[in-house]
Amino acid sequence: MSGQLYQHIQKLVPGFTAEQKEIAPYCQTKTVKKDELLLKEGEICDTIYFVKKGCLYLFYENNNEKQVIHFALENWWITDYKTFPDGKPAVYSIAAMEDSEITCISRENYDTQLLTFPLLALYFNKIHERAYGAALFKQKRFLLPFQKYLSRINPKDSRPYFCILHGGFIGNFKDLPGHVPFLNQFKFSGIGNFQLCVIK
């Protein structure tokens, strides 16, 4: 386990007193290369990932096109939350947007940790509350208004795409552009390849 993750736990749960060496055996830290696939749709999802450095993303394939639905920057967690709890085949894929350093915890070790260190349950509960809140925020402040507006604008005018993307969701996550290529930011918003060609 990295000191960065341990500090993150203590930041969210100040009462956590277990030593870093006690929980380190449950974690595996490794380096992944850009575009490296950590989870493929259809595989069993049995790992949750903490981003120490870099950026991971969650996506699914639709008509041979990646539909990105979530990014994980430094100090963020990511997994297929739809299937991680029950060990069913993943409905999403996870890959590295750039060279990254990550900490991995298997489902078995995750469960064992929660039983051994009950305050970790509080930590992960706070993580999941934040993630759920961010998902709802994205729907309210960005995706629904954006997609509604897309149906009304002139597809030959690229300015509205840029203004909404960077004035809306991206504006609330200022570290994202430094990790995620510009076109991937548009794909995250639900813009397809045809619309990207128009923007170009």
Protein backbone atom coordinates (compact mmCIF):
# COMPACT_ATOMS: atom_id res chain seq x y z
CA MET A 1 0.00 0.00 0.00
CA SER A 2 1.26 3.48 -0.85
CA GLY A 3 1.61 6.19 1.76
CA GLN A 4 -0.64 8.30 -0.47
CA LEU A 5 -3.57 5.91 -0.04
CA TYR A 6 -2.96 5.60 3.69
CA GLN A 7 -3.00 9.40 4.03
CA HIS A 8 -6.20 9.55 2.00
CA ILE A 9 -7.86 7.10 4.39
CA GLN A 10 -6.77 9.11 7.42
CA LYS A 11 -7.97 12.33 5.81
CA LEU A 12 -11.51 11.00 5.40
CA VAL A 13 -11.53 8.95 8.61
CA PRO A 14 -9.33 10.73 11.18
CA GLY A 15 -10.11 8.03 13.76
CA PHE A 16 -8.45 5.31 11.68
CA THR A 17 -5.49 4.14 13.78
CA ALA A 18 -4.38 0.88 12.15
CA GLU A 19 -0.80 1.10 10.94
CA GLN A 20 0.00 1.18 7.26
CA LYS A 21 1.91 -2.10 7.47
CA GLU A 22 -1.21 -3.84 8.81
CA ILE A 23 -3.28 -3.15 5.72
CA ALA A 24 -0.47 -3.19 3.15
CA PRO A 25 -0.69 -7.00 2.56
CA TYR A 26 -4.24 -6.57 1.20
CA CYS A 27 -3.11 -4.18 -1.54
CA GLN A 28 -1.01 -4.45 -4.67
CA THR A 29 0.62 -1.41 -6.25
CA LYS A 30 1.65 -1.48 -9.88
CA THR A 31 2.38 0.67 -12.92
CA VAL A 32 0.22 0.51 -16.05
CA LYS A 33 0.92 1.89 -19.50
CA LYS A 34 -1.28 4.19 -21.54
CA ASP A 35 -4.19 2.28 -23.15
CA GLU A 36 -3.49 -0.81 -21.02
CA LEU A 37 -6.74 -2.68 -20.38
CA LEU A 38 -7.38 -3.54 -16.72
CA LEU A 39 -10.88 -4.95 -17.16
CA LYS A 40 -12.65 -6.05 -20.32
CA GLU A 41 -16.41 -6.07 -20.65
CA GLY A 42 -17.63 -9.63 -20.09
CA GLU A 43 -14.76 -10.60 -17.76
CA ILE A 44 -15.36 -11.17 -14.06
CA CYS A 45 -14.88 -7.91 -12.18
CA ASP A 46 -12.99 -8.80 -8.99
CA THR A 47 -10.77 -5.75 -8.42
CA ILE A 48 -11.15 -2.15 -7.33
CA TYR A 49 -8.48 0.41 -8.30
CA PHE A 50 -7.07 3.48 -6.53
CA VAL A 51 -5.25 5.96 -8.76
CA LYS A 52 -1.99 7.06 -7.19
CA LYS A 53 -0.82 8.91 -10.30
CA GLY A 54 -2.31 9.30 -13.77
CA CYS A 55 -5.83 8.62 -14.99
CA LEU A 56 -8.06 5.57 -15.58
CA TYR A 57 -11.40 5.52 -17.35
CA LEU A 58 -14.54 3.38 -17.47
CA PHE A 59 -16.22 2.75 -20.82
CA TYR A 60 -18.36 0.45 -22.93
CA GLU A 61 -18.45 -0.30 -26.64
CA ASN A 62 -21.38 0.87 -28.78
CA ASN A 63 -21.24 0.27 -32.54
CA ASN A 64 -17.45 -0.16 -32.33
CA GLU A 65 -17.11 3.21 -30.59
CA LYS A 66 -15.96 3.78 -27.02
CA GLN A 67 -18.53 5.47 -24.81
CA VAL A 68 -16.61 6.88 -21.84
CA ILE A 69 -18.76 7.31 -18.73
CA HIS A 70 -16.27 7.89 -15.93
CA PHE A 71 -12.72 9.10 -15.33
CA ALA A 72 -10.62 8.46 -12.21
CA LEU A 73 -7.87 10.96 -11.47
CA GLU A 74 -5.34 10.90 -8.64
CA ASN A 75 -6.84 9.84 -5.29
CA TRP A 76 -9.99 8.52 -6.99
CA TRP A 77 -11.29 4.94 -6.97
CA ILE A 78 -12.72 3.09 -9.95
CA THR A 79 -14.27 -0.29 -10.69
CA ASP A 80 -17.37 -1.66 -12.39
CA TYR A 81 -19.69 -0.99 -9.46
CA LYS A 82 -22.48 -2.83 -11.25
CA THR A 83 -20.71 -6.18 -11.02
CA PHE A 84 -17.92 -5.78 -8.45
CA PRO A 85 -20.27 -6.57 -5.51
CA ASP A 86 -21.49 -9.92 -6.87
CA GLY A 87 -18.67 -11.16 -9.11
CA LYS A 88 -20.74 -11.24 -12.30
CA PRO A 89 -19.31 -10.51 -15.77
CA ALA A 90 -18.44 -6.85 -16.18
CA VAL A 91 -20.74 -4.58 -18.14
CA TYR A 92 -17.96 -1.99 -18.55
CA SER A 93 -14.26 -1.96 -19.38
CA ILE A 94 -11.48 -0.09 -17.56
CA ALA A 95 -8.29 1.19 -19.18
CA ALA A 96 -5.47 3.67 -18.56
CA MET A 97 -5.83 7.06 -20.22
CA GLU A 98 -2.11 7.65 -19.62
CA ASP A 99 0.81 5.95 -17.89
CA SER A 100 -0.42 5.51 -14.32
CA GLU A 101 0.48 4.18 -10.90
CA ILE A 102 -2.37 2.37 -9.19
CA THR A 103 -3.20 0.34 -6.10
CA CYS A 104 -5.36 -2.76 -6.65
CA ILE A 105 -7.52 -4.55 -4.09
CA SER A 106 -9.18 -7.84 -4.98
CA ARG A 107 -12.79 -8.48 -3.94
CA GLU A 108 -11.63 -11.11 -1.46
CA ASN A 109 -9.11 -8.74 0.14
CA TYR A 110 -11.65 -5.92 0.08
CA ASP A 111 -14.13 -7.96 2.09
CA THR A 112 -11.44 -9.19 4.48
CA GLN A 113 -10.25 -5.63 5.10
CA LEU A 114 -13.73 -4.43 5.97
CA LEU A 115 -14.15 -7.25 8.48
CA THR A 116 -10.69 -6.75 9.98
CA PHE A 117 -10.72 -2.95 10.07
CA PRO A 118 -14.34 -1.77 10.50
CA LEU A 119 -13.43 1.91 10.06
CA LEU A 120 -12.45 1.13 6.47
CA ALA A 121 -16.15 0.50 5.85
CA LEU A 122 -16.76 4.13 6.84
CA TYR A 123 -13.97 5.23 4.49
CA PHE A 124 -15.38 3.36 1.51
CA ASN A 125 -18.89 4.50 2.38
CA LYS A 126 -17.68 8.10 2.08
CA ILE A 127 -15.97 7.26 -1.22
CA HIS A 128 -19.17 5.74 -2.62
CA GLU A 129 -21.30 8.64 -1.36
CA ARG A 130 -19.02 11.04 -3.21
CA ALA A 131 -19.10 8.94 -6.37
CA TYR A 132 -22.89 8.71 -6.34
CA GLY A 133 -23.21 12.41 -5.66
CA ALA A 134 -20.87 13.20 -8.56
CA ALA A 135 -22.91 10.96 -10.88
CA LEU A 136 -26.11 12.77 -9.97
CA PHE A 137 -24.40 16.13 -10.32
CA LYS A 138 -23.22 15.21 -13.81
CA GLN A 139 -26.79 14.41 -14.87
CA LYS A 140 -28.22 17.60 -13.40
CA ARG A 141 -25.58 20.09 -14.42
CA PHE A 142 -24.21 18.72 -17.64
CA LEU A 143 -25.46 15.71 -19.58
CA LEU A 144 -29.21 16.28 -19.69
CA PRO A 145 -29.03 20.00 -20.56
CA PHE A 146 -26.20 19.30 -23.00
CA GLN A 147 -27.99 16.53 -24.89
CA LYS A 148 -31.19 18.58 -24.97
CA TYR A 149 -29.27 21.50 -26.44
CA LEU A 150 -27.58 19.27 -29.02
CA SER A 151 -30.97 18.51 -30.55
CA ARG A 152 -31.60 22.22 -31.18
CA ILE A 153 -28.31 23.63 -32.46
CA ASN A 154 -26.89 23.85 -35.95
CA PRO A 155 -24.58 20.80 -36.34
CA LYS A 156 -22.21 22.91 -38.47
CA ASP A 157 -21.50 25.29 -35.60
CA SER A 158 -18.78 23.91 -33.31
CA ARG A 159 -18.82 26.80 -30.82
CA PRO A 160 -21.75 25.59 -28.67
CA TYR A 161 -20.08 22.20 -28.17
CA PHE A 162 -16.91 23.82 -26.88
CA CYS A 163 -18.66 26.36 -24.67
CA ILE A 164 -21.01 23.89 -23.01
CA LEU A 165 -18.34 21.26 -22.46
CA HIS A 166 -15.80 23.57 -20.88
CA GLY A 167 -18.28 25.85 -19.17
CA GLY A 168 -20.24 22.95 -17.71
CA PHE A 169 -18.88 19.64 -16.51
CA ILE A 170 -15.21 20.11 -17.40
CA GLY A 171 -15.27 23.47 -15.65
CA ASN A 172 -16.05 21.69 -12.40
CA PHE A 173 -13.14 19.26 -12.73
CA LYS A 174 -10.24 21.51 -13.63
CA ASP A 175 -7.60 18.73 -13.41
CA LEU A 176 -9.34 16.65 -16.08
CA PRO A 177 -8.03 18.42 -19.23
CA GLY A 178 -4.46 17.81 -18.09
CA HIS A 179 -5.01 14.05 -18.17
CA VAL A 180 -7.69 13.49 -20.81
CA PRO A 181 -7.16 14.30 -24.52
CA PHE A 182 -9.54 16.90 -25.92
CA LEU A 183 -11.48 14.51 -28.17
CA ASN A 184 -11.99 12.06 -25.30
CA GLN A 185 -13.59 14.88 -23.32
CA PHE A 186 -16.14 15.27 -26.11
CA LYS A 187 -16.80 11.52 -26.26
CA PHE A 188 -17.44 11.61 -22.52
CA SER A 189 -20.20 14.13 -23.20
CA GLY A 190 -22.02 11.77 -25.59
CA ILE A 191 -20.90 13.33 -28.87
CA GLY A 192 -20.44 10.70 -31.56
CA ASN A 193 -17.78 10.35 -34.26
CA PHE A 194 -19.92 12.11 -36.87
CA GLN A 195 -20.38 15.14 -34.65
CA LEU A 196 -16.66 15.14 -33.87
CA CYS A 197 -15.96 15.31 -37.60
CA VAL A 198 -18.27 18.29 -37.86
CA ILE A 199 -16.48 20.00 -34.97
CA LYS A 200 -13.11 19.49 -36.63
